[in-house]
Amino acid sequence: MTLIEWRKEFETGVAEVDHEHQELIELINELHDQIGANAPRETVNGFLGEVFAKISAHFALEETVMRKHAYDEYADHKADHEKLLDDLRDIMDDFDAGTDTDYKKALAAAVRDWFVNHFKTKDARLHKQLGV
């Protein structure tokens, strides 16, 4: 079952950004499927690492653009990024520790609403304001 479906309302109007967002969603959906299918720990751990790395890289690039353009909501936008990264780190730490956390549920809680709300509000505003 797909965790996040791409919707037109997620579009920022910047083809490269929208494409990158779609790739992140596909990767997160694949991780969600692997967890649900009880994939081996190494597989899930690899996906968690890849999701974290790609999201971190995307955020770093976005934050560079915001600083370059003196974006007026930079601090709030960056704080939103940090919150998701902290949530993902917690999931990864729990997974590594072998706790009884429901990883599928934890992942869904950490990313579904965040991505939906972040794409529609913060990213849409950012790209509309900056035209990038």
N, C-alpha and C. Protein backbone atom coordinates (compact mmCIF):
# COMPACT_ATOMS: atom_id res chain seq x y z
N MET A 1 0.84 -1.18 0.00
CA MET A 1 0.00 0.00 0.00
C MET A 1 0.89 1.25 0.00
N THR A 2 0.57 2.21 -0.83
CA THR A 2 1.35 3.42 -0.96
C THR A 2 1.13 4.32 0.26
N LEU A 3 2.22 4.80 0.82
CA LEU A 3 2.14 5.69 1.97
C LEU A 3 1.77 7.10 1.55
N ILE A 4 2.44 7.60 0.50
CA ILE A 4 2.19 8.97 0.02
C ILE A 4 1.94 8.92 -1.48
N GLU A 5 0.82 9.46 -1.91
CA GLU A 5 0.51 9.57 -3.34
C GLU A 5 0.86 11.00 -3.78
N TRP A 6 1.55 11.12 -4.92
CA TRP A 6 1.84 12.44 -5.47
C TRP A 6 0.54 13.07 -5.93
N ARG A 7 0.37 14.33 -5.57
CA ARG A 7 -0.83 15.07 -5.97
C ARG A 7 -0.43 16.40 -6.58
N LYS A 8 -1.26 16.90 -7.45
CA LYS A 8 -0.99 18.17 -8.13
C LYS A 8 -0.75 19.29 -7.13
N GLU A 9 -1.44 19.25 -6.00
CA GLU A 9 -1.30 20.31 -5.00
C GLU A 9 0.10 20.36 -4.38
N PHE A 10 0.92 19.32 -4.58
CA PHE A 10 2.29 19.32 -4.08
C PHE A 10 3.23 20.11 -4.97
N GLU A 11 2.82 20.37 -6.19
CA GLU A 11 3.71 21.00 -7.17
C GLU A 11 4.10 22.41 -6.74
N THR A 12 5.38 22.70 -6.91
CA THR A 12 5.90 24.02 -6.56
C THR A 12 5.95 24.93 -7.79
N GLY A 13 5.85 24.34 -8.97
CA GLY A 13 5.99 25.11 -10.20
C GLY A 13 7.40 25.08 -10.74
N VAL A 14 8.31 24.45 -10.02
CA VAL A 14 9.69 24.31 -10.46
C VAL A 14 9.92 22.83 -10.78
N ALA A 15 10.07 22.53 -12.07
CA ALA A 15 10.11 21.13 -12.53
C ALA A 15 11.17 20.31 -11.80
N GLU A 16 12.37 20.87 -11.61
CA GLU A 16 13.45 20.13 -10.97
C GLU A 16 13.11 19.79 -9.52
N VAL A 17 12.52 20.74 -8.82
CA VAL A 17 12.15 20.53 -7.42
C VAL A 17 11.03 19.50 -7.33
N ASP A 18 10.04 19.64 -8.19
CA ASP A 18 8.93 18.69 -8.18
C ASP A 18 9.42 17.28 -8.48
N HIS A 19 10.34 17.17 -9.43
CA HIS A 19 10.91 15.85 -9.76
C HIS A 19 11.65 15.26 -8.55
N GLU A 20 12.44 16.08 -7.89
CA GLU A 20 13.17 15.60 -6.71
C GLU A 20 12.21 15.20 -5.60
N HIS A 21 11.17 15.97 -5.39
CA HIS A 21 10.16 15.62 -4.39
C HIS A 21 9.49 14.28 -4.74
N GLN A 22 9.18 14.09 -6.02
CA GLN A 22 8.57 12.83 -6.45
C GLN A 22 9.51 11.65 -6.20
N GLU A 23 10.81 11.84 -6.46
CA GLU A 23 11.78 10.77 -6.19
C GLU A 23 11.85 10.45 -4.71
N LEU A 24 11.81 11.47 -3.86
CA LEU A 24 11.82 11.24 -2.41
C LEU A 24 10.59 10.45 -1.98
N ILE A 25 9.45 10.81 -2.52
CA ILE A 25 8.21 10.10 -2.18
C ILE A 25 8.30 8.64 -2.62
N GLU A 26 8.82 8.39 -3.81
CA GLU A 26 8.96 7.02 -4.30
C GLU A 26 9.87 6.21 -3.38
N LEU A 27 10.97 6.80 -2.95
CA LEU A 27 11.90 6.11 -2.06
C LEU A 27 11.26 5.82 -0.71
N ILE A 28 10.54 6.78 -0.18
CA ILE A 28 9.86 6.59 1.10
C ILE A 28 8.79 5.51 0.97
N ASN A 29 8.05 5.50 -0.14
CA ASN A 29 7.05 4.46 -0.36
C ASN A 29 7.70 3.08 -0.45
N GLU A 30 8.85 3.00 -1.09
CA GLU A 30 9.56 1.72 -1.18
C GLU A 30 10.01 1.26 0.21
N LEU A 31 10.54 2.18 1.01
CA LEU A 31 10.93 1.84 2.38
C LEU A 31 9.72 1.35 3.17
N HIS A 32 8.62 2.04 3.04
CA HIS A 32 7.38 1.66 3.72
C HIS A 32 6.96 0.24 3.32
N ASP A 33 7.05 -0.07 2.02
CA ASP A 33 6.72 -1.41 1.53
C ASP A 33 7.67 -2.46 2.08
N GLN A 34 8.96 -2.14 2.11
CA GLN A 34 9.95 -3.10 2.62
C GLN A 34 9.70 -3.41 4.10
N ILE A 35 9.39 -2.37 4.87
CA ILE A 35 9.11 -2.59 6.29
C ILE A 35 7.86 -3.45 6.43
N GLY A 36 6.83 -3.16 5.64
CA GLY A 36 5.58 -3.91 5.70
C GLY A 36 5.74 -5.35 5.27
N ALA A 37 6.70 -5.62 4.40
CA ALA A 37 6.94 -6.97 3.90
C ALA A 37 7.93 -7.73 4.77
N ASN A 38 8.28 -7.14 5.91
CA ASN A 38 9.24 -7.76 6.83
C ASN A 38 10.55 -8.10 6.14
N ALA A 39 11.04 -7.15 5.36
CA ALA A 39 12.31 -7.32 4.66
C ALA A 39 13.42 -7.53 5.70
N PRO A 40 14.52 -8.12 5.28
CA PRO A 40 15.65 -8.31 6.21
C PRO A 40 16.11 -6.98 6.80
N ARG A 41 16.63 -7.04 8.00
CA ARG A 41 17.08 -5.83 8.71
C ARG A 41 18.07 -5.02 7.87
N GLU A 42 18.97 -5.71 7.18
CA GLU A 42 19.97 -5.01 6.37
C GLU A 42 19.31 -4.19 5.27
N THR A 43 18.26 -4.75 4.66
CA THR A 43 17.55 -4.05 3.59
C THR A 43 16.87 -2.81 4.13
N VAL A 44 16.15 -2.97 5.23
CA VAL A 44 15.44 -1.83 5.83
C VAL A 44 16.45 -0.78 6.28
N ASN A 45 17.52 -1.21 6.91
CA ASN A 45 18.55 -0.27 7.38
C ASN A 45 19.15 0.50 6.21
N GLY A 46 19.38 -0.18 5.10
CA GLY A 46 19.91 0.49 3.91
C GLY A 46 18.94 1.53 3.37
N PHE A 47 17.66 1.18 3.32
CA PHE A 47 16.64 2.14 2.86
C PHE A 47 16.55 3.33 3.80
N LEU A 48 16.57 3.07 5.11
CA LEU A 48 16.52 4.18 6.08
C LEU A 48 17.67 5.14 5.85
N GLY A 49 18.86 4.59 5.66
CA GLY A 49 20.04 5.42 5.41
C GLY A 49 19.93 6.22 4.12
N GLU A 50 19.41 5.56 3.08
CA GLU A 50 19.28 6.25 1.79
C GLU A 50 18.23 7.36 1.87
N VAL A 51 17.10 7.10 2.52
CA VAL A 51 16.07 8.12 2.69
C VAL A 51 16.65 9.31 3.45
N PHE A 52 17.33 9.03 4.55
CA PHE A 52 17.90 10.10 5.36
C PHE A 52 18.91 10.91 4.55
N ALA A 53 19.79 10.24 3.83
CA ALA A 53 20.83 10.94 3.05
C ALA A 53 20.22 11.81 1.95
N LYS A 54 19.24 11.28 1.23
CA LYS A 54 18.63 12.05 0.14
C LYS A 54 17.83 13.23 0.66
N ILE A 55 17.11 13.02 1.75
CA ILE A 55 16.35 14.14 2.31
C ILE A 55 17.31 15.20 2.85
N SER A 56 18.39 14.78 3.52
CA SER A 56 19.38 15.73 4.04
C SER A 56 19.99 16.55 2.91
N ALA A 57 20.35 15.89 1.82
CA ALA A 57 20.95 16.59 0.67
C ALA A 57 19.95 17.57 0.06
N HIS A 58 18.72 17.16 -0.07
CA HIS A 58 17.69 18.04 -0.62
C HIS A 58 17.51 19.27 0.27
N PHE A 59 17.44 19.05 1.57
CA PHE A 59 17.27 20.16 2.50
C PHE A 59 18.46 21.11 2.45
N ALA A 60 19.67 20.56 2.37
CA ALA A 60 20.87 21.41 2.33
C ALA A 60 20.84 22.31 1.10
N LEU A 61 20.46 21.77 -0.03
CA LEU A 61 20.37 22.55 -1.25
C LEU A 61 19.29 23.64 -1.13
N GLU A 62 18.14 23.25 -0.61
CA GLU A 62 17.05 24.21 -0.44
C GLU A 62 17.45 25.33 0.51
N GLU A 63 18.15 24.98 1.59
CA GLU A 63 18.57 25.98 2.57
C GLU A 63 19.63 26.92 2.00
N THR A 64 20.48 26.40 1.13
CA THR A 64 21.47 27.25 0.46
C THR A 64 20.76 28.29 -0.41
N VAL A 65 19.75 27.86 -1.14
CA VAL A 65 18.98 28.78 -1.98
C VAL A 65 18.30 29.84 -1.11
N MET A 66 17.73 29.40 0.01
CA MET A 66 17.04 30.36 0.88
C MET A 66 18.01 31.40 1.44
N ARG A 67 19.20 30.96 1.86
CA ARG A 67 20.19 31.91 2.38
C ARG A 67 20.66 32.87 1.29
N LYS A 68 20.91 32.33 0.10
CA LYS A 68 21.38 33.14 -1.02
C LYS A 68 20.40 34.27 -1.33
N HIS A 69 19.11 33.99 -1.20
CA HIS A 69 18.08 34.97 -1.53
C HIS A 69 17.52 35.68 -0.31
N ALA A 70 18.17 35.50 0.85
CA ALA A 70 17.72 36.13 2.10
C ALA A 70 16.22 35.90 2.31
N TYR A 71 15.82 34.65 2.16
CA TYR A 71 14.41 34.28 2.29
C TYR A 71 13.87 34.64 3.66
N ASP A 72 12.73 35.31 3.69
CA ASP A 72 12.19 35.87 4.94
C ASP A 72 11.70 34.81 5.94
N GLU A 73 11.42 33.61 5.49
CA GLU A 73 10.96 32.57 6.41
C GLU A 73 11.98 31.43 6.55
N TYR A 74 13.24 31.78 6.33
CA TYR A 74 14.31 30.77 6.39
C TYR A 74 14.32 30.01 7.71
N ALA A 75 14.31 30.71 8.84
CA ALA A 75 14.44 30.04 10.15
C ALA A 75 13.31 29.05 10.38
N ASP A 76 12.10 29.43 10.07
CA ASP A 76 10.95 28.55 10.26
C ASP A 76 11.02 27.35 9.32
N HIS A 77 11.40 27.59 8.09
CA HIS A 77 11.50 26.53 7.08
C HIS A 77 12.59 25.54 7.49
N LYS A 78 13.75 26.07 7.90
CA LYS A 78 14.85 25.20 8.33
C LYS A 78 14.46 24.40 9.57
N ALA A 79 13.74 25.01 10.50
CA ALA A 79 13.29 24.30 11.70
C ALA A 79 12.39 23.12 11.33
N ASP A 80 11.56 23.31 10.32
CA ASP A 80 10.70 22.23 9.84
C ASP A 80 11.54 21.09 9.28
N HIS A 81 12.58 21.43 8.53
CA HIS A 81 13.51 20.42 8.02
C HIS A 81 14.16 19.65 9.17
N GLU A 82 14.65 20.38 10.15
CA GLU A 82 15.34 19.74 11.28
C GLU A 82 14.42 18.81 12.06
N LYS A 83 13.15 19.17 12.17
CA LYS A 83 12.18 18.33 12.89
C LYS A 83 12.03 16.98 12.19
N LEU A 84 11.89 16.99 10.87
CA LEU A 84 11.77 15.72 10.15
C LEU A 84 13.04 14.91 10.28
N LEU A 85 14.20 15.54 10.13
CA LEU A 85 15.46 14.81 10.25
C LEU A 85 15.62 14.22 11.65
N ASP A 86 15.23 14.95 12.68
CA ASP A 86 15.27 14.41 14.05
C ASP A 86 14.35 13.20 14.18
N ASP A 87 13.15 13.29 13.62
CA ASP A 87 12.22 12.16 13.68
C ASP A 87 12.79 10.94 12.96
N LEU A 88 13.40 11.17 11.80
CA LEU A 88 14.00 10.05 11.06
C LEU A 88 15.18 9.45 11.82
N ARG A 89 16.00 10.30 12.44
CA ARG A 89 17.12 9.80 13.26
C ARG A 89 16.61 8.92 14.40
N ASP A 90 15.52 9.35 15.03
CA ASP A 90 14.94 8.56 16.12
C ASP A 90 14.48 7.19 15.62
N ILE A 91 13.85 7.15 14.47
CA ILE A 91 13.41 5.88 13.89
C ILE A 91 14.63 5.00 13.61
N MET A 92 15.68 5.58 13.03
CA MET A 92 16.89 4.83 12.72
C MET A 92 17.55 4.31 14.00
N ASP A 93 17.63 5.14 15.02
CA ASP A 93 18.23 4.72 16.30
C ASP A 93 17.44 3.59 16.93
N ASP A 94 16.12 3.70 16.93
CA ASP A 94 15.28 2.65 17.48
C ASP A 94 15.44 1.35 16.70
N PHE A 95 15.52 1.47 15.39
CA PHE A 95 15.70 0.30 14.55
C PHE A 95 17.03 -0.38 14.86
N ASP A 96 18.10 0.41 14.94
CA ASP A 96 19.42 -0.12 15.27
C ASP A 96 19.45 -0.79 16.64
N ALA A 97 18.71 -0.23 17.59
CA ALA A 97 18.67 -0.76 18.94
C ALA A 97 17.79 -2.00 19.06
N GLY A 98 17.01 -2.26 18.01
CA GLY A 98 16.15 -3.45 18.03
C GLY A 98 14.95 -3.32 18.95
N THR A 99 14.52 -2.10 19.21
CA THR A 99 13.35 -1.92 20.07
C THR A 99 12.11 -2.45 19.37
N ASP A 100 11.02 -2.54 20.10
CA ASP A 100 9.79 -3.10 19.56
C ASP A 100 8.92 -2.08 18.84
N THR A 101 9.51 -0.99 18.43
CA THR A 101 8.77 0.07 17.73
C THR A 101 8.15 -0.48 16.45
N ASP A 102 6.93 -0.06 16.14
CA ASP A 102 6.28 -0.39 14.88
C ASP A 102 6.85 0.59 13.85
N TYR A 103 7.88 0.17 13.11
CA TYR A 103 8.60 1.07 12.20
C TYR A 103 7.72 1.57 11.07
N LYS A 104 6.82 0.74 10.60
CA LYS A 104 5.92 1.17 9.53
C LYS A 104 5.04 2.32 10.02
N LYS A 105 4.52 2.19 11.21
CA LYS A 105 3.66 3.24 11.78
C LYS A 105 4.49 4.48 12.09
N ALA A 106 5.68 4.30 12.64
CA ALA A 106 6.54 5.43 12.99
C ALA A 106 6.94 6.20 11.73
N LEU A 107 7.29 5.49 10.68
CA LEU A 107 7.66 6.14 9.43
C LEU A 107 6.48 6.92 8.87
N ALA A 108 5.31 6.30 8.86
CA ALA A 108 4.12 6.96 8.34
C ALA A 108 3.84 8.25 9.12
N ALA A 109 3.94 8.16 10.44
CA ALA A 109 3.67 9.34 11.27
C ALA A 109 4.70 10.43 11.01
N ALA A 110 5.94 10.06 10.79
CA ALA A 110 7.01 11.04 10.63
C ALA A 110 6.95 11.75 9.28
N VAL A 111 6.54 11.05 8.24
CA VAL A 111 6.67 11.66 6.91
C VAL A 111 5.38 12.00 6.19
N ARG A 112 4.32 11.22 6.34
CA ARG A 112 3.12 11.45 5.51
C ARG A 112 2.58 12.86 5.69
N ASP A 113 2.19 13.20 6.88
CA ASP A 113 1.61 14.52 7.12
C ASP A 113 2.64 15.62 6.90
N TRP A 114 3.89 15.34 7.28
CA TRP A 114 4.93 16.33 7.10
C TRP A 114 5.10 16.68 5.63
N PHE A 115 5.24 15.66 4.78
CA PHE A 115 5.44 15.93 3.36
C PHE A 115 4.23 16.63 2.76
N VAL A 116 3.05 16.14 3.08
CA VAL A 116 1.85 16.75 2.53
C VAL A 116 1.79 18.22 2.91
N ASN A 117 1.94 18.52 4.18
CA ASN A 117 1.84 19.90 4.64
C ASN A 117 3.03 20.76 4.19
N HIS A 118 4.22 20.21 4.25
CA HIS A 118 5.42 20.98 3.89
C HIS A 118 5.40 21.33 2.40
N PHE A 119 5.11 20.38 1.53
CA PHE A 119 5.07 20.65 0.09
C PHE A 119 4.05 21.73 -0.23
N LYS A 120 2.85 21.58 0.34
CA LYS A 120 1.74 22.48 0.00
C LYS A 120 1.93 23.88 0.56
N THR A 121 2.63 24.01 1.66
CA THR A 121 2.74 25.32 2.30
C THR A 121 4.13 25.90 2.15
N LYS A 122 5.07 25.38 2.89
CA LYS A 122 6.40 25.99 2.94
C LYS A 122 7.13 25.96 1.60
N ASP A 123 7.18 24.80 0.93
CA ASP A 123 7.89 24.74 -0.34
C ASP A 123 7.17 25.54 -1.42
N ALA A 124 5.86 25.47 -1.45
CA ALA A 124 5.11 26.24 -2.44
C ALA A 124 5.36 27.74 -2.25
N ARG A 125 5.34 28.21 -1.01
CA ARG A 125 5.59 29.64 -0.74
C ARG A 125 7.02 30.01 -1.12
N LEU A 126 7.97 29.17 -0.72
CA LEU A 126 9.37 29.43 -1.03
C LEU A 126 9.57 29.65 -2.52
N HIS A 127 9.09 28.72 -3.32
CA HIS A 127 9.34 28.80 -4.75
C HIS A 127 8.51 29.90 -5.43
N LYS A 128 7.37 30.20 -4.88
CA LYS A 128 6.57 31.31 -5.41
C LYS A 128 7.27 32.64 -5.10
N GLN A 129 7.76 32.79 -3.86
CA GLN A 129 8.43 34.02 -3.45
C GLN A 129 9.72 34.25 -4.23
N LEU A 130 10.49 33.20 -4.37
CA LEU A 130 11.81 33.34 -4.98
C LEU A 130 11.82 33.13 -6.48
N GLY A 131 10.79 32.49 -6.99
CA GLY A 131 10.74 32.22 -8.42
C GLY A 131 11.81 31.23 -8.84
N VAL A 132 12.21 30.36 -7.87
CA VAL A 132 13.22 29.33 -8.19
C VAL A 132 12.70 27.97 -7.86
